[in-house]
Each structure stands twice: as structure tokens, then as C-alpha cells.
N, C-alpha and C. Protein backbone atom coordinates (compact mmCIF):
# COMPACT_ATOMS: atom_id res chain seq x y z
N UNK A 1 214.39 -73.76 -24.10
CA UNK A 1 213.33 -74.45 -24.81
C UNK A 1 212.06 -73.61 -24.92
N UNK A 2 211.88 -72.68 -23.98
CA UNK A 2 210.71 -71.81 -24.03
C UNK A 2 210.91 -70.62 -24.95
N UNK A 3 212.16 -70.36 -25.29
CA UNK A 3 212.45 -69.23 -26.15
C UNK A 3 212.33 -67.89 -25.43
N UNK A 4 212.57 -67.89 -24.12
CA UNK A 4 212.53 -66.64 -23.35
C UNK A 4 213.86 -66.48 -22.62
N UNK A 5 214.12 -65.27 -22.19
CA UNK A 5 215.34 -64.95 -21.46
C UNK A 5 215.40 -65.78 -20.17
N UNK A 6 216.59 -66.28 -19.78
CA UNK A 6 216.71 -67.06 -18.54
C UNK A 6 216.18 -66.33 -17.31
N UNK A 7 216.39 -65.02 -17.25
CA UNK A 7 215.88 -64.26 -16.11
C UNK A 7 214.35 -64.28 -16.09
N UNK A 8 213.73 -64.19 -17.26
CA UNK A 8 212.27 -64.24 -17.36
C UNK A 8 211.76 -65.62 -16.94
N UNK A 9 212.50 -66.67 -17.33
CA UNK A 9 212.12 -68.03 -16.94
C UNK A 9 212.22 -68.21 -15.42
N UNK A 10 213.26 -67.64 -14.83
CA UNK A 10 213.44 -67.70 -13.38
C UNK A 10 212.28 -67.01 -12.67
N UNK A 11 211.92 -65.82 -13.12
CA UNK A 11 210.79 -65.10 -12.53
C UNK A 11 209.49 -65.88 -12.70
N UNK A 12 209.32 -66.49 -13.85
CA UNK A 12 208.12 -67.28 -14.14
C UNK A 12 208.01 -68.45 -13.17
N UNK A 13 209.10 -69.19 -12.98
CA UNK A 13 209.08 -70.37 -12.12
C UNK A 13 208.93 -70.02 -10.64
N UNK A 14 209.36 -68.81 -10.26
CA UNK A 14 209.21 -68.38 -8.87
C UNK A 14 207.87 -67.69 -8.61
N UNK A 15 207.05 -67.59 -9.65
CA UNK A 15 205.74 -66.97 -9.49
C UNK A 15 205.77 -65.45 -9.46
N UNK A 16 206.86 -64.86 -9.90
CA UNK A 16 206.99 -63.40 -9.91
C UNK A 16 206.62 -62.79 -11.26
N UNK A 17 206.37 -63.64 -12.24
CA UNK A 17 205.99 -63.19 -13.58
C UNK A 17 204.85 -64.06 -14.05
N UNK A 18 203.84 -63.46 -14.65
CA UNK A 18 202.69 -64.21 -15.14
C UNK A 18 203.08 -65.05 -16.34
N UNK A 19 202.51 -66.24 -16.41
CA UNK A 19 202.75 -67.15 -17.51
C UNK A 19 201.75 -66.85 -18.63
N UNK A 20 202.24 -66.79 -19.84
CA UNK A 20 201.33 -66.59 -20.97
C UNK A 20 200.75 -67.95 -21.37
N UNK A 21 199.66 -67.94 -22.11
CA UNK A 21 199.07 -69.20 -22.57
C UNK A 21 200.03 -69.94 -23.50
N UNK A 22 200.79 -69.20 -24.28
CA UNK A 22 201.78 -69.82 -25.17
C UNK A 22 202.84 -70.55 -24.35
N UNK A 23 203.32 -69.91 -23.27
CA UNK A 23 204.33 -70.53 -22.42
C UNK A 23 203.75 -71.76 -21.70
N UNK A 24 202.51 -71.66 -21.26
CA UNK A 24 201.86 -72.81 -20.61
C UNK A 24 201.78 -73.99 -21.57
N UNK A 25 201.42 -73.70 -22.82
CA UNK A 25 201.33 -74.76 -23.82
C UNK A 25 202.71 -75.38 -24.08
N UNK A 26 203.75 -74.54 -24.16
CA UNK A 26 205.10 -75.04 -24.39
C UNK A 26 205.57 -75.91 -23.22
N UNK A 27 205.31 -75.47 -22.00
CA UNK A 27 205.69 -76.24 -20.82
C UNK A 27 204.97 -77.58 -20.82
N UNK A 28 203.69 -77.56 -21.19
CA UNK A 28 202.91 -78.79 -21.29
C UNK A 28 203.54 -79.76 -22.27
N UNK A 29 203.94 -79.26 -23.41
CA UNK A 29 204.56 -80.10 -24.44
C UNK A 29 205.92 -80.62 -23.98
N UNK A 30 206.74 -79.76 -23.39
CA UNK A 30 208.08 -80.15 -22.94
C UNK A 30 208.01 -81.22 -21.85
N UNK A 31 207.12 -81.04 -20.89
CA UNK A 31 207.02 -81.96 -19.76
C UNK A 31 206.14 -83.17 -20.05
N UNK A 32 205.33 -83.08 -21.11
CA UNK A 32 204.44 -84.19 -21.44
C UNK A 32 203.31 -84.34 -20.47
N UNK A 33 202.82 -83.22 -19.95
CA UNK A 33 201.69 -83.24 -19.02
C UNK A 33 200.53 -82.44 -19.62
N UNK A 34 199.30 -82.69 -19.17
CA UNK A 34 198.17 -81.94 -19.72
C UNK A 34 198.30 -80.43 -19.47
N UNK A 35 197.85 -79.64 -20.43
CA UNK A 35 197.89 -78.19 -20.33
C UNK A 35 197.15 -77.70 -19.08
N UNK A 36 196.00 -78.29 -18.80
CA UNK A 36 195.23 -77.86 -17.62
C UNK A 36 196.01 -78.09 -16.33
N UNK A 37 196.83 -79.13 -16.28
CA UNK A 37 197.64 -79.38 -15.09
C UNK A 37 198.72 -78.32 -14.93
N UNK A 38 199.34 -77.89 -16.04
CA UNK A 38 200.33 -76.82 -15.99
C UNK A 38 199.67 -75.55 -15.47
N UNK A 39 198.49 -75.26 -15.98
CA UNK A 39 197.77 -74.05 -15.55
C UNK A 39 197.40 -74.15 -14.07
N UNK A 40 196.96 -75.33 -13.64
CA UNK A 40 196.59 -75.53 -12.24
C UNK A 40 197.80 -75.32 -11.34
N UNK A 41 198.96 -75.87 -11.74
CA UNK A 41 200.18 -75.72 -10.95
C UNK A 41 200.68 -74.27 -10.93
N UNK A 42 200.31 -73.51 -11.94
CA UNK A 42 200.69 -72.09 -11.99
C UNK A 42 199.76 -71.23 -11.13
N UNK A 43 198.79 -71.88 -10.48
CA UNK A 43 197.90 -71.14 -9.58
C UNK A 43 196.63 -70.65 -10.23
N UNK A 44 196.35 -71.09 -11.45
CA UNK A 44 195.11 -70.69 -12.13
C UNK A 44 194.02 -71.66 -11.71
N UNK A 45 192.87 -71.16 -11.30
CA UNK A 45 191.76 -71.98 -10.87
C UNK A 45 191.11 -72.63 -12.09
N UNK A 46 191.47 -73.87 -12.36
CA UNK A 46 190.97 -74.60 -13.52
C UNK A 46 190.07 -75.72 -13.04
N UNK A 47 188.84 -75.74 -13.53
CA UNK A 47 187.91 -76.79 -13.12
C UNK A 47 187.25 -77.48 -14.31
N UNK A 48 187.64 -77.15 -15.54
CA UNK A 48 186.99 -77.72 -16.71
C UNK A 48 187.09 -79.24 -16.76
N UNK A 49 188.18 -79.80 -16.26
CA UNK A 49 188.36 -81.24 -16.33
C UNK A 49 188.01 -81.94 -15.01
N UNK A 50 187.41 -81.21 -14.09
CA UNK A 50 187.08 -81.76 -12.79
C UNK A 50 185.64 -82.26 -12.78
N UNK A 51 185.44 -83.43 -12.23
CA UNK A 51 184.13 -84.03 -12.10
C UNK A 51 184.00 -84.57 -10.68
N UNK A 52 182.80 -84.82 -10.29
CA UNK A 52 182.55 -85.34 -8.95
C UNK A 52 182.52 -86.86 -8.99
N UNK A 53 182.88 -87.45 -7.86
CA UNK A 53 182.75 -88.89 -7.72
C UNK A 53 182.31 -89.20 -6.30
N UNK A 54 181.78 -90.38 -6.13
CA UNK A 54 181.25 -90.80 -4.83
C UNK A 54 182.38 -91.23 -3.90
N UNK A 55 182.22 -90.89 -2.62
CA UNK A 55 183.04 -91.50 -1.57
C UNK A 55 182.27 -92.77 -1.21
N UNK A 56 182.63 -93.86 -1.85
CA UNK A 56 181.83 -95.08 -1.82
C UNK A 56 182.15 -96.00 -0.65
N UNK A 57 183.28 -95.75 0.04
CA UNK A 57 183.69 -96.65 1.11
C UNK A 57 184.67 -95.94 2.03
N UNK A 58 185.01 -96.62 3.12
CA UNK A 58 186.09 -96.13 3.97
C UNK A 58 187.00 -97.30 4.33
N UNK A 59 188.25 -96.96 4.65
CA UNK A 59 189.23 -97.97 5.04
C UNK A 59 189.67 -97.68 6.47
N UNK A 60 189.80 -98.75 7.27
CA UNK A 60 190.22 -98.57 8.66
C UNK A 60 191.72 -98.76 8.82
N UNK A 61 192.21 -98.72 10.06
CA UNK A 61 193.64 -98.80 10.32
C UNK A 61 194.27 -100.13 9.91
N UNK A 62 193.44 -101.17 9.71
CA UNK A 62 193.94 -102.48 9.31
C UNK A 62 193.82 -102.74 7.82
N UNK A 63 193.47 -101.71 7.04
CA UNK A 63 193.36 -101.87 5.61
C UNK A 63 192.04 -102.45 5.14
N UNK A 64 191.11 -102.70 6.05
CA UNK A 64 189.82 -103.30 5.70
C UNK A 64 188.87 -102.23 5.17
N UNK A 65 188.32 -102.47 3.99
CA UNK A 65 187.40 -101.53 3.35
C UNK A 65 185.97 -101.89 3.72
N UNK A 66 185.21 -100.86 4.12
CA UNK A 66 183.79 -101.01 4.38
C UNK A 66 183.04 -100.18 3.36
N UNK A 67 182.20 -100.82 2.56
CA UNK A 67 181.42 -100.13 1.55
C UNK A 67 180.27 -99.39 2.22
N UNK A 68 180.02 -98.16 1.79
CA UNK A 68 178.93 -97.37 2.35
C UNK A 68 177.63 -97.73 1.64
N UNK A 69 176.53 -97.64 2.35
CA UNK A 69 175.23 -97.99 1.80
C UNK A 69 174.80 -97.08 0.66
N UNK A 70 173.99 -97.64 -0.22
CA UNK A 70 173.46 -96.89 -1.36
C UNK A 70 172.74 -95.64 -0.86
N UNK A 71 173.02 -94.51 -1.49
CA UNK A 71 172.36 -93.25 -1.13
C UNK A 71 172.99 -92.52 0.04
N UNK A 72 174.06 -93.07 0.61
CA UNK A 72 174.72 -92.41 1.75
C UNK A 72 176.05 -91.78 1.36
N UNK A 73 176.38 -91.83 0.08
CA UNK A 73 177.69 -91.36 -0.37
C UNK A 73 177.79 -89.84 -0.38
N UNK A 74 178.90 -89.33 0.15
CA UNK A 74 179.29 -87.95 -0.10
C UNK A 74 179.87 -87.93 -1.50
N UNK A 75 179.97 -86.75 -2.08
CA UNK A 75 180.63 -86.61 -3.37
C UNK A 75 181.74 -85.58 -3.23
N UNK A 76 182.85 -85.84 -3.93
CA UNK A 76 184.02 -84.95 -3.91
C UNK A 76 184.50 -84.74 -5.33
N UNK A 77 185.26 -83.67 -5.55
CA UNK A 77 185.88 -83.46 -6.85
C UNK A 77 187.01 -84.47 -7.00
N UNK A 78 187.02 -85.16 -8.12
CA UNK A 78 188.10 -86.11 -8.37
C UNK A 78 189.15 -85.44 -9.25
N UNK A 79 190.39 -85.89 -9.16
CA UNK A 79 191.42 -85.34 -10.04
C UNK A 79 191.03 -85.48 -11.50
N UNK A 80 191.46 -84.53 -12.32
CA UNK A 80 191.03 -84.47 -13.70
C UNK A 80 191.39 -85.66 -14.54
N UNK A 81 192.47 -86.35 -14.21
CA UNK A 81 192.87 -87.47 -15.06
C UNK A 81 192.37 -88.82 -14.55
N UNK A 82 191.48 -88.82 -13.56
CA UNK A 82 190.86 -90.07 -13.13
C UNK A 82 189.77 -90.44 -14.13
N UNK A 83 189.65 -91.71 -14.48
CA UNK A 83 188.66 -92.10 -15.48
C UNK A 83 187.24 -92.03 -14.94
N UNK A 84 186.29 -91.99 -15.86
CA UNK A 84 184.88 -92.05 -15.50
C UNK A 84 184.67 -93.36 -14.74
N UNK A 85 183.92 -93.30 -13.67
CA UNK A 85 183.67 -94.48 -12.86
C UNK A 85 184.59 -94.61 -11.66
N UNK A 86 185.63 -93.77 -11.60
CA UNK A 86 186.53 -93.80 -10.44
C UNK A 86 185.72 -93.41 -9.20
N UNK A 87 186.15 -93.90 -8.06
CA UNK A 87 185.46 -93.59 -6.81
C UNK A 87 186.50 -93.32 -5.73
N UNK A 88 186.04 -92.78 -4.63
CA UNK A 88 186.94 -92.44 -3.52
C UNK A 88 186.69 -93.34 -2.33
N UNK A 89 187.78 -93.64 -1.62
CA UNK A 89 187.72 -94.35 -0.35
C UNK A 89 188.33 -93.41 0.69
N UNK A 90 187.58 -93.15 1.76
CA UNK A 90 188.07 -92.26 2.82
C UNK A 90 188.82 -93.07 3.87
N UNK A 91 189.96 -92.55 4.33
CA UNK A 91 190.72 -93.21 5.39
C UNK A 91 190.12 -92.77 6.73
N UNK A 92 189.72 -93.75 7.53
CA UNK A 92 189.19 -93.49 8.87
C UNK A 92 190.05 -94.25 9.86
N UNK A 93 191.13 -93.61 10.23
CA UNK A 93 192.14 -94.21 11.11
C UNK A 93 192.60 -93.11 12.06
N UNK A 94 191.90 -92.98 13.15
CA UNK A 94 192.13 -91.86 14.07
C UNK A 94 193.54 -91.84 14.66
N UNK A 95 194.20 -92.99 14.72
CA UNK A 95 195.52 -93.07 15.32
C UNK A 95 196.66 -92.90 14.30
N UNK A 96 196.33 -92.66 13.04
CA UNK A 96 197.40 -92.53 12.04
C UNK A 96 197.34 -91.16 11.36
N UNK A 97 198.44 -90.78 10.78
CA UNK A 97 198.55 -89.47 10.13
C UNK A 97 197.73 -89.34 8.86
N UNK A 98 197.23 -90.44 8.31
CA UNK A 98 196.47 -90.39 7.07
C UNK A 98 194.96 -90.27 7.29
N UNK A 99 194.53 -90.09 8.54
CA UNK A 99 193.10 -89.96 8.83
C UNK A 99 192.48 -88.86 7.98
N UNK A 100 191.40 -89.18 7.29
CA UNK A 100 190.70 -88.20 6.46
C UNK A 100 191.19 -88.15 5.03
N UNK A 101 192.30 -88.81 4.70
CA UNK A 101 192.78 -88.83 3.32
C UNK A 101 191.72 -89.47 2.42
N UNK A 102 191.76 -89.12 1.14
CA UNK A 102 190.91 -89.76 0.15
C UNK A 102 191.79 -90.52 -0.84
N UNK A 103 191.44 -91.76 -1.09
CA UNK A 103 192.12 -92.58 -2.09
C UNK A 103 191.18 -92.65 -3.29
N UNK A 104 191.65 -92.21 -4.46
CA UNK A 104 190.84 -92.27 -5.67
C UNK A 104 191.22 -93.56 -6.40
N UNK A 105 190.23 -94.40 -6.65
CA UNK A 105 190.44 -95.76 -7.13
C UNK A 105 189.88 -95.94 -8.53
N UNK A 106 190.63 -96.62 -9.36
CA UNK A 106 190.21 -96.93 -10.73
C UNK A 106 189.02 -97.87 -10.72
N UNK A 107 188.11 -97.72 -11.68
CA UNK A 107 186.99 -98.66 -11.76
C UNK A 107 187.39 -100.00 -12.39
N UNK A 108 188.58 -100.07 -13.01
CA UNK A 108 189.01 -101.30 -13.70
C UNK A 108 189.37 -102.38 -12.69
N UNK A 109 188.84 -103.57 -12.90
CA UNK A 109 189.15 -104.72 -12.05
C UNK A 109 190.15 -105.60 -12.80
N UNK A 110 191.39 -105.63 -12.30
CA UNK A 110 192.49 -106.30 -12.99
C UNK A 110 193.03 -107.46 -12.14
N UNK A 111 193.66 -108.44 -12.80
CA UNK A 111 194.31 -109.50 -12.02
C UNK A 111 195.44 -108.92 -11.17
N UNK A 112 195.74 -109.59 -10.07
CA UNK A 112 196.77 -109.11 -9.15
C UNK A 112 198.11 -108.89 -9.86
N UNK A 113 198.45 -109.73 -10.83
CA UNK A 113 199.73 -109.61 -11.53
C UNK A 113 199.86 -108.27 -12.25
N UNK A 114 198.74 -107.65 -12.60
CA UNK A 114 198.78 -106.35 -13.29
C UNK A 114 199.11 -105.21 -12.35
N UNK A 115 199.00 -105.44 -11.06
CA UNK A 115 199.23 -104.37 -10.08
C UNK A 115 200.28 -104.74 -9.04
N UNK A 116 201.24 -105.58 -9.42
CA UNK A 116 202.29 -105.95 -8.47
C UNK A 116 203.07 -104.72 -8.03
N UNK A 117 203.36 -104.65 -6.74
CA UNK A 117 204.12 -103.57 -6.12
C UNK A 117 203.43 -102.22 -6.23
N UNK A 118 202.11 -102.22 -6.36
CA UNK A 118 201.33 -100.98 -6.42
C UNK A 118 200.29 -100.99 -5.31
N UNK A 119 199.97 -99.79 -4.83
CA UNK A 119 198.90 -99.65 -3.85
C UNK A 119 197.57 -99.84 -4.57
N UNK A 120 196.74 -100.72 -4.06
CA UNK A 120 195.50 -101.09 -4.74
C UNK A 120 194.38 -101.35 -3.74
N UNK A 121 193.19 -101.41 -4.30
CA UNK A 121 192.08 -102.05 -3.62
C UNK A 121 192.18 -103.50 -4.07
N UNK A 122 192.38 -104.42 -3.14
CA UNK A 122 192.51 -105.84 -3.46
C UNK A 122 191.32 -106.58 -2.88
N UNK A 123 190.70 -107.40 -3.69
CA UNK A 123 189.56 -108.19 -3.24
C UNK A 123 189.99 -109.66 -3.23
N UNK A 124 189.86 -110.28 -2.07
CA UNK A 124 190.28 -111.68 -1.93
C UNK A 124 189.22 -112.60 -2.53
N UNK A 125 189.59 -113.86 -2.70
CA UNK A 125 188.66 -114.86 -3.23
C UNK A 125 187.43 -115.00 -2.32
N UNK A 126 187.59 -114.69 -1.03
CA UNK A 126 186.46 -114.76 -0.09
C UNK A 126 185.61 -113.50 -0.10
N UNK A 127 186.03 -112.48 -0.88
CA UNK A 127 185.26 -111.25 -0.99
C UNK A 127 185.69 -110.14 -0.03
N UNK A 128 186.74 -110.37 0.73
CA UNK A 128 187.25 -109.34 1.64
C UNK A 128 187.92 -108.24 0.83
N UNK A 129 187.58 -106.98 1.09
CA UNK A 129 188.13 -105.84 0.37
C UNK A 129 189.17 -105.15 1.25
N UNK A 130 190.38 -104.97 0.69
CA UNK A 130 191.49 -104.42 1.45
C UNK A 130 192.22 -103.37 0.63
N UNK A 131 192.86 -102.40 1.31
CA UNK A 131 193.80 -101.49 0.66
C UNK A 131 195.18 -102.03 0.99
N UNK A 132 195.93 -102.37 -0.06
CA UNK A 132 197.22 -103.01 0.16
C UNK A 132 198.13 -102.85 -1.05
N UNK A 133 199.42 -102.99 -0.79
CA UNK A 133 200.38 -103.13 -1.87
C UNK A 133 200.46 -104.63 -2.17
N UNK A 134 200.26 -104.97 -3.44
CA UNK A 134 200.21 -106.37 -3.85
C UNK A 134 201.63 -106.86 -4.18
N UNK A 135 202.00 -107.97 -3.61
CA UNK A 135 203.31 -108.57 -3.86
C UNK A 135 203.12 -110.03 -4.27
N UNK A 136 204.15 -110.61 -4.88
CA UNK A 136 204.09 -112.04 -5.20
C UNK A 136 204.06 -112.83 -3.90
N UNK A 137 203.28 -113.90 -3.90
CA UNK A 137 203.18 -114.76 -2.72
C UNK A 137 204.35 -115.71 -2.63
N UNK A 138 204.43 -116.41 -1.51
CA UNK A 138 205.48 -117.41 -1.33
C UNK A 138 205.09 -118.70 -2.04
N UNK A 139 203.78 -118.90 -2.25
CA UNK A 139 203.29 -120.07 -2.98
C UNK A 139 202.81 -119.60 -4.35
N UNK A 140 203.04 -120.42 -5.37
CA UNK A 140 202.63 -120.09 -6.74
C UNK A 140 201.12 -119.86 -6.80
N UNK A 141 200.73 -118.76 -7.48
CA UNK A 141 199.32 -118.44 -7.66
C UNK A 141 198.71 -117.65 -6.52
N UNK A 142 199.51 -117.31 -5.53
CA UNK A 142 199.02 -116.55 -4.39
C UNK A 142 199.80 -115.24 -4.28
N UNK A 143 199.27 -114.33 -3.47
CA UNK A 143 199.90 -113.03 -3.30
C UNK A 143 200.06 -112.70 -1.83
N UNK A 144 201.05 -111.87 -1.55
CA UNK A 144 201.20 -111.28 -0.23
C UNK A 144 200.63 -109.87 -0.32
N UNK A 145 199.96 -109.44 0.72
CA UNK A 145 199.35 -108.12 0.76
C UNK A 145 199.93 -107.33 1.92
N UNK A 146 200.59 -106.22 1.60
CA UNK A 146 201.11 -105.31 2.61
C UNK A 146 200.01 -104.27 2.85
N UNK A 147 199.29 -104.44 3.95
CA UNK A 147 198.11 -103.63 4.23
C UNK A 147 198.48 -102.17 4.47
N UNK A 148 197.57 -101.29 4.07
CA UNK A 148 197.78 -99.86 4.22
C UNK A 148 196.64 -99.28 5.04
N UNK A 149 196.90 -98.48 6.05
CA UNK A 149 198.18 -97.85 6.41
C UNK A 149 199.00 -98.58 7.46
N UNK A 150 198.57 -99.76 7.91
CA UNK A 150 199.24 -100.41 9.06
C UNK A 150 200.57 -101.08 8.74
N UNK A 151 200.84 -101.41 7.47
CA UNK A 151 202.03 -102.16 7.05
C UNK A 151 202.06 -103.59 7.56
N UNK A 152 200.91 -104.12 7.99
CA UNK A 152 200.80 -105.52 8.37
C UNK A 152 200.83 -106.35 7.09
N UNK A 153 201.48 -107.52 7.12
CA UNK A 153 201.60 -108.37 5.93
C UNK A 153 200.69 -109.58 6.07
N UNK A 154 199.86 -109.80 5.05
CA UNK A 154 199.10 -111.03 4.93
C UNK A 154 199.79 -111.86 3.85
N UNK A 155 200.09 -113.11 4.15
CA UNK A 155 200.86 -113.92 3.21
C UNK A 155 199.99 -114.99 2.55
N UNK A 156 200.34 -115.27 1.30
CA UNK A 156 199.73 -116.32 0.49
C UNK A 156 198.20 -116.24 0.48
N UNK A 157 197.74 -115.11 -0.03
CA UNK A 157 196.31 -114.83 -0.13
C UNK A 157 195.88 -115.02 -1.59
N UNK A 158 194.73 -115.63 -1.79
CA UNK A 158 194.19 -115.75 -3.15
C UNK A 158 193.43 -114.46 -3.45
N UNK A 159 193.94 -113.69 -4.42
CA UNK A 159 193.34 -112.40 -4.77
C UNK A 159 192.47 -112.59 -6.02
N UNK A 160 191.21 -112.20 -5.92
CA UNK A 160 190.28 -112.32 -7.05
C UNK A 160 190.56 -111.25 -8.10
N UNK A 161 190.73 -110.00 -7.65
CA UNK A 161 191.02 -108.89 -8.55
C UNK A 161 191.52 -107.69 -7.76
N UNK A 162 192.08 -106.73 -8.50
CA UNK A 162 192.59 -105.50 -7.89
C UNK A 162 192.16 -104.29 -8.71
N UNK A 163 192.09 -103.15 -8.05
CA UNK A 163 191.87 -101.86 -8.71
C UNK A 163 192.91 -100.88 -8.19
N UNK A 164 193.59 -100.21 -9.10
CA UNK A 164 194.69 -99.31 -8.73
C UNK A 164 194.21 -98.09 -7.96
N UNK A 165 194.99 -97.68 -6.96
CA UNK A 165 194.80 -96.38 -6.33
C UNK A 165 195.52 -95.39 -7.23
N UNK A 166 194.77 -94.46 -7.80
CA UNK A 166 195.31 -93.51 -8.79
C UNK A 166 195.87 -92.27 -8.13
N UNK A 167 195.20 -91.80 -7.10
CA UNK A 167 195.59 -90.55 -6.42
C UNK A 167 195.33 -90.71 -4.94
N UNK A 168 196.15 -90.05 -4.14
CA UNK A 168 195.90 -89.94 -2.71
C UNK A 168 195.82 -88.45 -2.41
N UNK A 169 194.69 -88.03 -1.86
CA UNK A 169 194.51 -86.61 -1.54
C UNK A 169 194.52 -86.45 -0.02
N UNK A 170 195.50 -85.71 0.51
CA UNK A 170 195.53 -85.46 1.95
C UNK A 170 194.30 -84.69 2.41
N UNK A 171 194.01 -84.81 3.67
CA UNK A 171 192.88 -84.08 4.27
C UNK A 171 193.17 -82.59 4.16
N UNK A 172 192.17 -81.84 3.74
CA UNK A 172 192.37 -80.40 3.61
C UNK A 172 191.62 -79.63 4.68
């Protein structure tokens, strides 16, 4: 599909041959991914689509989100395909392997049904903010929340809205 010799393609994929811009564009088209992502995966330092976002909160070992005070936010580079308004939540769970991870969260506030079986920031009707996988509840109109990272289950919770976790970045 690239129109190159199989040996050249093998060298290209193993990082032994430099990728041309034409080949990067073709790979982007074939895989249906952004050109900048192909270039980034090829080891080219691409920052044109990178923007900063606030680390606006942290999540503890029980999935409970604590919002950080105004003016106290660190800023980090967010992945290029995160929308404007996305923010980061830092994992602060000293006893788990995800300590220090960053969760990049969509600014869109959607009903729980829009994010079933997805890791989300879920806000309960009482205003409690949690990181959880949203599931259908046992009672109609309610949801079960599988808290992250603890895997504790809260059952039949009234969820006001959810925001999708778009990316998880391990501690570097």
C-alpha cells in the first residue's frame, strides 16, 4: 500500500530507515490517524498540536476527586487530540501502581447513559466527584460506579453528569 519494497518497509517499521514525509502521509491515510501522530510515533519531536492544560484536581485511592484551589494549578502538555477546555486529574494513591498518573478529561458534561462502560469523571446528584467506570444500576434511572483505581463498586447511585477520561498518561 505504501508502494515501496517490502524490505524497505521492514527497515522503516524497525526504525532502521528514515520515513519520508510522503510515506508518513500515506501511513496516516491508511491507518486513519492524524499525520502528526504518525510523525510522533516515528520519533519526530512534534509539538505543533500540543497545548497546555491545568491539573485541576487529584483523585485518591477511593476514586474521590478533590478540586484544587484557583491559582494553584500546575500545567502540563495535553495530548494533541484533546479538545480545548480539557483538564488533567492527577492520581495521588501512594499504595497503587498508578500513583502520579494523569487523567485527561473532556470538558463535555454528558448524561451517564452516554458514557456507559467507560472510565469517566462522574458527578453524583449530591455533588460528589468520582473517577469510575459507569454501569447500569440495578434500579431504573440509577447507575453503578466501579471506582478507579480501587475497583470498589457503588450501587444504585444517581449520577448528575459524566465527563469522559480521554487519555491516561503514566508517570514519567
